């Protein structure tokens, strides 16, 4: 069988807070199960490979985000075609905003996005920074991560990844905590504002992405449970800090 191809899109532009680690986590959790996997890095001056199984977009600063979306405009057809044949796309923070209709630029100007999902990102009055706890219907336990962004993302016809228990997620400010959501799920696209990197802090989310490509996953070998223990420790610390339990 051909190796599982994990394509990291523009790591030189979109890699804030160690988001490249998401690729390493996916490759590791596949390989320890006996599934061959390779990481392919595609820079902004290269066309995207059409053969990827999982594509990754990370976070980045404003100018890097704009440079990335400009470079990706000529590859939207390649990426859409890959998703149509069953590939998955996981996007974080700036990567999430890139996929939508538009997002704020360096001075608040509106930058046209790729238009792959019906979302709109606008500048907020302040940055949303800190730890995040998100309850998703996909998992029994909440997801954790770290966020640092000014943009506010409005979902227009797609489902969120989950409900925010702690933090800002897609919104903040005047939005009540009980109404805040994070990320999105749209077909073969899954996105979030969670850094950490997200898949290192949430091994169930990593396995979910792998299963969407591979199908049923074999069990993990002895010793790999450390990732789940660390995830549980983080959830417990956030719960204790914010809910007193």
C-alpha atoms as a PDB file:
ATOM      1  CA  UNK A   1       0.000   0.000   0.000  1.00  0.00           C
ATOM      2  CA  UNK A   2       1.095   3.575  -0.662  1.00  0.00           C
ATOM      3  CA  UNK A   3       1.996   5.570   2.446  1.00  0.00           C
ATOM      4  CA  UNK A   4      -0.595   7.837   3.988  1.00  0.00           C
ATOM      5  CA  UNK A   5       0.272  11.289   2.648  1.00  0.00           C
ATOM      6  CA  UNK A   6       0.062  14.113   5.190  1.00  0.00           C
ATOM      7  CA  UNK A   7       0.476  17.421   3.341  1.00  0.00           C
ATOM      8  CA  UNK A   8       1.543  20.460   5.367  1.00  0.00           C
ATOM      9  CA  UNK A   9       0.537  23.581   3.432  1.00  0.00           C
ATOM     10  CA  UNK A  10       2.982  26.510   3.597  1.00  0.00           C
ATOM     11  CA  UNK A  11       4.745  25.603   6.864  1.00  0.00           C
ATOM     12  CA  UNK A  12       7.116  28.547   6.366  1.00  0.00           C
ATOM     13  CA  UNK A  13       4.091  30.893   6.588  1.00  0.00           C
ATOM     14  CA  UNK A  14       1.528  29.038   8.692  1.00  0.00           C
ATOM     15  CA  UNK A  15       3.160  27.392  11.685  1.00  0.00           C
ATOM     16  CA  UNK A  16       2.363  29.550  14.713  1.00  0.00           C
ATOM     17  CA  UNK A  17       2.565  27.872  18.131  1.00  0.00           C
ATOM     18  CA  UNK A  18       4.015  24.647  16.753  1.00  0.00           C
ATOM     19  CA  UNK A  19       1.105  23.765  14.449  1.00  0.00           C
ATOM     20  CA  UNK A  20       3.528  21.672  12.370  1.00  0.00           C
ATOM     21  CA  UNK A  21       3.330  19.259  15.293  1.00  0.00           C
ATOM     22  CA  UNK A  22      -0.124  18.239  14.035  1.00  0.00           C
ATOM     23  CA  UNK A  23       1.555  16.505  11.095  1.00  0.00           C
ATOM     24  CA  UNK A  24       4.031  14.726  13.378  1.00  0.00           C
ATOM     25  CA  UNK A  25       1.221  13.493  15.627  1.00  0.00           C
ATOM     26  CA  UNK A  26      -0.785  12.111  12.702  1.00  0.00           C
ATOM     27  CA  UNK A  27       2.253  10.370  11.236  1.00  0.00           C
ATOM     28  CA  UNK A  28       3.256   8.894  14.597  1.00  0.00           C
ATOM     29  CA  UNK A  29      -0.216   7.608  15.482  1.00  0.00           C
ATOM     30  CA  UNK A  30      -0.479   5.989  12.070  1.00  0.00           C
ATOM     31  CA  UNK A  31       3.007   4.463  12.125  1.00  0.00           C
ATOM     32  CA  UNK A  32       2.742   2.909  15.598  1.00  0.00           C
ATOM     33  CA  UNK A  33      -0.344   1.113  14.286  1.00  0.00           C
ATOM     34  CA  UNK A  34       1.669  -0.320  11.397  1.00  0.00           C
ATOM     35  CA  UNK A  35       0.298   2.175   8.852  1.00  0.00           C
ATOM     36  CA  UNK A  36       2.979   3.711   6.639  1.00  0.00           C
ATOM     37  CA  UNK A  37       2.817   7.510   6.607  1.00  0.00           C
ATOM     38  CA  UNK A  38       4.863  10.357   5.157  1.00  0.00           C
ATOM     39  CA  UNK A  39       4.841  14.112   5.718  1.00  0.00           C
ATOM     40  CA  UNK A  40       4.990  16.282   2.598  1.00  0.00           C
ATOM     41  CA  UNK A  41       5.754  19.985   3.071  1.00  0.00           C
ATOM     42  CA  UNK A  42       4.521  22.274   0.300  1.00  0.00           C
ATOM     43  CA  UNK A  43       5.881  25.820   0.291  1.00  0.00           C
ATOM     44  CA  UNK A  44       4.018  28.859  -1.023  1.00  0.00           C
ATOM     45  CA  UNK A  45       5.916  28.804  -4.349  1.00  0.00           C
ATOM     46  CA  UNK A  46       4.835  25.226  -5.116  1.00  0.00           C
ATOM     47  CA  UNK A  47       1.567  23.765  -6.363  1.00  0.00           C
ATOM     48  CA  UNK A  48      -0.265  21.513  -3.937  1.00  0.00           C
ATOM     49  CA  UNK A  49       0.054  17.776  -4.579  1.00  0.00           C
ATOM     50  CA  UNK A  50      -3.249  16.257  -5.667  1.00  0.00           C
ATOM     51  CA  UNK A  51      -2.507  12.913  -4.010  1.00  0.00           C
ATOM     52  CA  UNK A  52      -2.656  13.951  -0.334  1.00  0.00           C
ATOM     53  CA  UNK A  53      -4.793  12.081   2.184  1.00  0.00           C
ATOM     54  CA  UNK A  54      -4.795  14.722   4.933  1.00  0.00           C
ATOM     55  CA  UNK A  55      -4.021  18.391   4.269  1.00  0.00           C
ATOM     56  CA  UNK A  56      -3.019  20.706   7.121  1.00  0.00           C
ATOM     57  CA  UNK A  57      -3.272  24.496   7.396  1.00  0.00           C
ATOM     58  CA  UNK A  58      -1.756  26.122  10.471  1.00  0.00           C
ATOM     59  CA  UNK A  59      -1.928  29.531  12.081  1.00  0.00           C
ATOM     60  CA  UNK A  60       0.103  32.579  11.140  1.00  0.00           C
ATOM     61  CA  UNK A  61       0.529  36.330  11.453  1.00  0.00           C
ATOM     62  CA  UNK A  62      -1.488  38.684   9.247  1.00  0.00           C
ATOM     63  CA  UNK A  63       1.065  39.202   6.460  1.00  0.00           C
ATOM     64  CA  UNK A  64       1.930  35.517   6.337  1.00  0.00           C
ATOM     65  CA  UNK A  65      -1.768  34.644   6.203  1.00  0.00           C
ATOM     66  CA  UNK A  66      -2.308  36.985   3.247  1.00  0.00           C
ATOM     67  CA  UNK A  67       0.747  35.616   1.421  1.00  0.00           C
ATOM     68  CA  UNK A  68      -0.552  32.087   1.952  1.00  0.00           C
ATOM     69  CA  UNK A  69      -4.071  32.746   0.668  1.00  0.00           C
ATOM     70  CA  UNK A  70      -2.690  34.554  -2.392  1.00  0.00           C
ATOM     71  CA  UNK A  71      -0.481  31.576  -3.172  1.00  0.00           C
ATOM     72  CA  UNK A  72      -3.333  29.120  -2.643  1.00  0.00           C
ATOM     73  CA  UNK A  73      -5.752  30.760  -5.065  1.00  0.00           C
ATOM     74  CA  UNK A  74      -4.271  28.858  -8.003  1.00  0.00           C
ATOM     75  CA  UNK A  75      -4.490  25.549  -6.104  1.00  0.00           C
ATOM     76  CA  UNK A  76      -8.103  25.704  -4.908  1.00  0.00           C
ATOM     77  CA  UNK A  77      -9.155  23.305  -7.659  1.00  0.00           C
ATOM     78  CA  UNK A  78      -6.491  20.802  -6.633  1.00  0.00           C
ATOM     79  CA  UNK A  79      -7.521  20.987  -2.977  1.00  0.00           C
ATOM     80  CA  UNK A  80     -11.244  20.768  -3.749  1.00  0.00           C
ATOM     81  CA  UNK A  81     -10.642  17.798  -6.023  1.00  0.00           C
ATOM     82  CA  UNK A  82      -8.697  16.000  -3.299  1.00  0.00           C
ATOM     83  CA  UNK A  83     -11.523  16.573  -0.810  1.00  0.00           C
ATOM     84  CA  UNK A  84     -14.062  15.302  -3.357  1.00  0.00           C
ATOM     85  CA  UNK A  85     -12.195  11.994  -3.590  1.00  0.00           C
ATOM     86  CA  UNK A  86     -12.135  11.592   0.210  1.00  0.00           C
ATOM     87  CA  UNK A  87      -9.093  13.499   1.471  1.00  0.00           C
ATOM     88  CA  UNK A  88      -9.438  15.480   4.712  1.00  0.00           C
ATOM     89  CA  UNK A  89      -8.474  19.069   5.507  1.00  0.00           C
ATOM     90  CA  UNK A  90      -7.652  20.206   9.045  1.00  0.00           C
ATOM     91  CA  UNK A  91      -7.185  23.956   9.519  1.00  0.00           C
ATOM     92  CA  UNK A  92      -6.180  25.989  12.570  1.00  0.00           C
ATOM     93  CA  UNK A  93      -6.790  29.687  13.331  1.00  0.00           C
ATOM     94  CA  UNK A  94      -5.504  31.671  10.316  1.00  0.00           C
ATOM     95  CA  UNK A  95      -5.955  28.503   8.261  1.00  0.00           C
ATOM     96  CA  UNK A  96      -9.623  28.437   9.266  1.00  0.00           C
ATOM     97  CA  UNK A  97     -10.109  32.058   8.201  1.00  0.00           C
ATOM     98  CA  UNK A  98      -8.405  31.498   4.849  1.00  0.00           C
ATOM     99  CA  UNK A  99     -11.026  28.922   3.898  1.00  0.00           C
ATOM    100  CA  UNK A 100     -13.927  31.368   4.240  1.00  0.00           C
ATOM    101  CA  UNK A 101     -15.346  34.215   2.195  1.00  0.00           C
ATOM    102  CA  UNK A 102     -13.095  36.886   3.734  1.00  0.00           C
ATOM    103  CA  UNK A 103     -10.940  37.776   6.750  1.00  0.00           C
ATOM    104  CA  UNK A 104      -9.328  40.929   8.210  1.00  0.00           C
ATOM    105  CA  UNK A 105      -5.923  42.055   6.995  1.00  0.00           C
ATOM    106  CA  UNK A 106      -3.046  43.887   8.660  1.00  0.00           C
ATOM    107  CA  UNK A 107      -4.916  47.161   9.273  1.00  0.00           C
ATOM    108  CA  UNK A 108      -8.419  45.706   9.316  1.00  0.00           C
ATOM    109  CA  UNK A 109      -8.904  45.757   5.549  1.00  0.00           C
ATOM    110  CA  UNK A 110     -10.962  42.886   4.197  1.00  0.00           C
ATOM    111  CA  UNK A 111      -9.064  40.139   2.351  1.00  0.00           C
ATOM    112  CA  UNK A 112     -10.943  37.780   0.048  1.00  0.00           C
ATOM    113  CA  UNK A 113     -10.628  34.165   1.179  1.00  0.00           C
ATOM    114  CA  UNK A 114     -10.766  30.932  -0.790  1.00  0.00           C
ATOM    115  CA  UNK A 115     -14.539  30.619  -0.448  1.00  0.00           C
ATOM    116  CA  UNK A 116     -14.418  26.913   0.344  1.00  0.00           C
ATOM    117  CA  UNK A 117     -16.787  27.243   3.319  1.00  0.00           C
ATOM    118  CA  UNK A 118     -19.585  29.781   3.974  1.00  0.00           C
ATOM    119  CA  UNK A 119     -17.978  31.668   6.852  1.00  0.00           C
ATOM    120  CA  UNK A 120     -17.041  35.300   7.371  1.00  0.00           C
ATOM    121  CA  UNK A 121     -14.243  36.525   9.642  1.00  0.00           C
ATOM    122  CA  UNK A 122     -14.190  40.125  10.861  1.00  0.00           C
ATOM    123  CA  UNK A 123     -11.777  42.052  13.111  1.00  0.00           C
ATOM    124  CA  UNK A 124     -12.603  42.191  16.806  1.00  0.00           C
ATOM    125  CA  UNK A 125     -11.969  45.075  19.165  1.00  0.00           C
ATOM    126  CA  UNK A 126      -9.388  43.078  21.133  1.00  0.00           C
ATOM    127  CA  UNK A 127      -7.455  39.826  21.013  1.00  0.00           C
ATOM    128  CA  UNK A 128      -8.836  36.607  22.447  1.00  0.00           C
ATOM    129  CA  UNK A 129      -5.957  34.949  24.285  1.00  0.00           C
ATOM    130  CA  UNK A 130      -5.824  32.007  26.663  1.00  0.00           C
ATOM    131  CA  UNK A 131      -6.765  28.410  27.274  1.00  0.00           C
ATOM    132  CA  UNK A 132      -9.865  26.947  25.628  1.00  0.00           C
ATOM    133  CA  UNK A 133     -12.151  24.058  26.531  1.00  0.00           C
ATOM    134  CA  UNK A 134     -14.547  22.858  23.806  1.00  0.00           C
ATOM    135  CA  UNK A 135     -17.243  20.197  24.058  1.00  0.00           C
ATOM    136  CA  UNK A 136     -17.771  18.519  20.686  1.00  0.00           C
ATOM    137  CA  UNK A 137     -20.468  15.984  19.876  1.00  0.00           C
ATOM    138  CA  UNK A 138     -17.730  13.940  18.185  1.00  0.00           C
ATOM    139  CA  UNK A 139     -16.087  13.037  21.507  1.00  0.00           C
ATOM    140  CA  UNK A 140     -17.050  12.111  25.045  1.00  0.00           C
ATOM    141  CA  UNK A 141     -14.449  14.381  26.627  1.00  0.00           C
ATOM    142  CA  UNK A 142     -13.843  18.096  25.882  1.00  0.00           C
ATOM    143  CA  UNK A 143     -11.051  19.293  23.617  1.00  0.00           C
ATOM    144  CA  UNK A 144      -8.393  21.658  24.948  1.00  0.00           C
ATOM    145  CA  UNK A 145      -6.137  24.190  23.301  1.00  0.00           C
ATOM    146  CA  UNK A 146      -4.631  27.650  23.342  1.00  0.00           C
ATOM    147  CA  UNK A 147      -6.021  30.575  21.335  1.00  0.00           C
ATOM    148  CA  UNK A 148      -4.550  33.919  20.286  1.00  0.00           C
ATOM    149  CA  UNK A 149      -6.515  35.771  17.614  1.00  0.00           C
ATOM    150  CA  UNK A 150      -8.339  39.028  16.959  1.00  0.00           C
ATOM    151  CA  UNK A 151     -10.672  37.769  14.231  1.00  0.00           C
ATOM    152  CA  UNK A 152     -14.272  36.803  14.975  1.00  0.00           C
ATOM    153  CA  UNK A 153     -15.716  34.124  12.707  1.00  0.00           C
ATOM    154  CA  UNK A 154     -19.392  33.893  11.822  1.00  0.00           C
ATOM    155  CA  UNK A 155     -20.593  30.484  10.629  1.00  0.00           C
ATOM    156  CA  UNK A 156     -23.173  30.756   7.882  1.00  0.00           C
ATOM    157  CA  UNK A 157     -24.727  27.381   7.284  1.00  0.00           C
ATOM    158  CA  UNK A 158     -22.031  25.023   8.607  1.00  0.00           C
ATOM    159  CA  UNK A 159     -21.836  23.274  11.962  1.00  0.00           C
ATOM    160  CA  UNK A 160     -19.291  24.239  14.627  1.00  0.00           C
ATOM    161  CA  UNK A 161     -16.723  21.763  15.892  1.00  0.00           C
ATOM    162  CA  UNK A 162     -18.146  22.258  19.364  1.00  0.00           C
ATOM    163  CA  UNK A 163     -19.485  24.486  22.116  1.00  0.00           C
ATOM    164  CA  UNK A 164     -16.977  26.592  24.056  1.00  0.00           C
ATOM    165  CA  UNK A 165     -16.969  25.923  27.798  1.00  0.00           C
ATOM    166  CA  UNK A 166     -13.936  28.117  28.498  1.00  0.00           C
ATOM    167  CA  UNK A 167     -12.457  30.763  26.205  1.00  0.00           C
ATOM    168  CA  UNK A 168     -13.538  32.657  23.125  1.00  0.00           C
ATOM    169  CA  UNK A 169     -13.481  30.271  20.183  1.00  0.00           C
ATOM    170  CA  UNK A 170     -14.971  31.763  17.013  1.00  0.00           C
ATOM    171  CA  UNK A 171     -16.333  34.757  18.909  1.00  0.00           C
ATOM    172  CA  UNK A 172     -16.039  36.680  22.123  1.00  0.00           C
ATOM    173  CA  UNK A 173     -16.727  40.128  23.472  1.00  0.00           C
ATOM    174  CA  UNK A 174     -20.475  40.669  23.597  1.00  0.00           C
ATOM    175  CA  UNK A 175     -21.240  37.044  22.777  1.00  0.00           C
ATOM    176  CA  UNK A 176     -22.410  35.221  25.903  1.00  0.00           C
ATOM    177  CA  UNK A 177     -20.186  32.329  26.994  1.00  0.00           C
ATOM    178  CA  UNK A 178     -23.115  29.928  26.665  1.00  0.00           C
ATOM    179  CA  UNK A 179     -23.489  30.892  22.982  1.00  0.00           C
ATOM    180  CA  UNK A 180     -19.841  30.644  21.942  1.00  0.00           C
ATOM    181  CA  UNK A 181     -18.701  27.937  19.564  1.00  0.00           C
ATOM    182  CA  UNK A 182     -15.369  26.938  18.100  1.00  0.00           C
ATOM    183  CA  UNK A 183     -14.319  25.866  14.647  1.00  0.00           C
ATOM    184  CA  UNK A 184     -16.409  24.197  12.000  1.00  0.00           C
ATOM    185  CA  UNK A 185     -17.195  20.894  10.333  1.00  0.00           C
ATOM    186  CA  UNK A 186     -18.146  21.040   6.651  1.00  0.00           C
ATOM    187  CA  UNK A 187     -17.913  17.814   4.668  1.00  0.00           C
ATOM    188  CA  UNK A 188     -14.278  16.746   4.707  1.00  0.00           C
ATOM    189  CA  UNK A 189     -13.125  20.011   6.272  1.00  0.00           C
ATOM    190  CA  UNK A 190     -12.585  20.306  10.016  1.00  0.00           C
ATOM    191  CA  UNK A 191     -11.254  23.550  11.491  1.00  0.00           C
ATOM    192  CA  UNK A 192     -10.623  25.108  14.893  1.00  0.00           C
ATOM    193  CA  UNK A 193      -8.958  28.027  16.671  1.00  0.00           C
ATOM    194  CA  UNK A 194      -7.144  25.568  18.956  1.00  0.00           C
ATOM    195  CA  UNK A 195      -3.352  25.658  19.003  1.00  0.00           C
ATOM    196  CA  UNK A 196      -1.262  23.505  21.257  1.00  0.00           C
ATOM    197  CA  UNK A 197      -0.667  21.845  18.793  1.00  0.00           C
ATOM    198  CA  UNK A 198      -4.295  20.724  18.760  1.00  0.00           C
ATOM    199  CA  UNK A 199      -3.677  17.102  17.794  1.00  0.00           C
ATOM    200  CA  UNK A 200      -0.956  16.626  20.403  1.00  0.00           C
ATOM    201  CA  UNK A 201      -3.280  17.894  23.118  1.00  0.00           C
ATOM    202  CA  UNK A 202      -6.257  15.950  21.757  1.00  0.00           C
ATOM    203  CA  UNK A 203      -5.257  12.471  20.546  1.00  0.00           C
ATOM    204  CA  UNK A 204      -8.911  11.525  19.991  1.00  0.00           C
ATOM    205  CA  UNK A 205      -9.159  14.331  17.438  1.00  0.00           C
ATOM    206  CA  UNK A 206      -6.038  13.043  15.679  1.00  0.00           C
ATOM    207  CA  UNK A 207      -7.474   9.536  15.537  1.00  0.00           C
ATOM    208  CA  UNK A 208     -10.776  10.915  14.270  1.00  0.00           C
ATOM    209  CA  UNK A 209      -8.986  12.490  11.290  1.00  0.00           C
ATOM    210  CA  UNK A 210      -7.058   9.295  10.603  1.00  0.00           C
ATOM    211  CA  UNK A 211     -10.223   7.198  10.777  1.00  0.00           C
ATOM    212  CA  UNK A 212     -11.982   9.486   8.304  1.00  0.00           C
ATOM    213  CA  UNK A 213      -9.314   8.500   5.780  1.00  0.00           C
ATOM    214  CA  UNK A 214      -8.406   4.956   6.746  1.00  0.00           C
ATOM    215  CA  UNK A 215     -11.614   3.633   8.293  1.00  0.00           C
ATOM    216  CA  UNK A 216     -11.366   1.474  11.404  1.00  0.00           C
ATOM    217  CA  UNK A 217      -8.092   2.032  13.233  1.00  0.00           C
ATOM    218  CA  UNK A 218      -6.120  -0.785  14.903  1.00  0.00           C
ATOM    219  CA  UNK A 219      -5.511  -0.428  18.627  1.00  0.00           C
ATOM    220  CA  UNK A 220      -2.449   1.399  19.912  1.00  0.00           C
ATOM    221  CA  UNK A 221       0.536  -0.558  21.256  1.00  0.00           C
ATOM    222  CA  UNK A 222       1.440  -0.505  24.940  1.00  0.00           C
ATOM    223  CA  UNK A 223       3.062   2.745  26.022  1.00  0.00           C
ATOM    224  CA  UNK A 224       1.051   5.020  23.737  1.00  0.00           C
ATOM    225  CA  UNK A 225      -1.545   5.684  26.424  1.00  0.00           C
ATOM    226  CA  UNK A 226       0.662   8.526  27.702  1.00  0.00           C
ATOM    227  CA  UNK A 227      -0.986  10.884  25.200  1.00  0.00           C
ATOM    228  CA  UNK A 228      -4.436  10.164  26.618  1.00  0.00           C
ATOM    229  CA  UNK A 229      -3.157  10.604  30.179  1.00  0.00           C
ATOM    230  CA  UNK A 230      -1.669  14.005  29.338  1.00  0.00           C
ATOM    231  CA  UNK A 231      -4.901  15.064  27.603  1.00  0.00           C
ATOM    232  CA  UNK A 232      -6.912  14.053  30.666  1.00  0.00           C
ATOM    233  CA  UNK A 233      -4.516  15.974  32.912  1.00  0.00           C
ATOM    234  CA  UNK A 234      -4.986  19.125  30.841  1.00  0.00           C
ATOM    235  CA  UNK A 235      -8.766  18.786  30.873  1.00  0.00           C
ATOM    236  CA  UNK A 236      -8.699  18.288  34.626  1.00  0.00           C
ATOM    237  CA  UNK A 237      -6.529  21.357  35.183  1.00  0.00           C
ATOM    238  CA  UNK A 238      -8.822  23.554  33.068  1.00  0.00           C
ATOM    239  CA  UNK A 239     -11.924  22.205  34.767  1.00  0.00           C
ATOM    240  CA  UNK A 240     -10.453  22.813  38.226  1.00  0.00           C
ATOM    241  CA  UNK A 241      -9.335  26.324  37.325  1.00  0.00           C
ATOM    242  CA  UNK A 242     -12.614  27.464  35.789  1.00  0.00           C
ATOM    243  CA  UNK A 243     -15.312  25.335  37.382  1.00  0.00           C
ATOM    244  CA  UNK A 244     -13.792  24.482  40.738  1.00  0.00           C
ATOM    245  CA  UNK A 245     -13.789  20.733  40.098  1.00  0.00           C
END
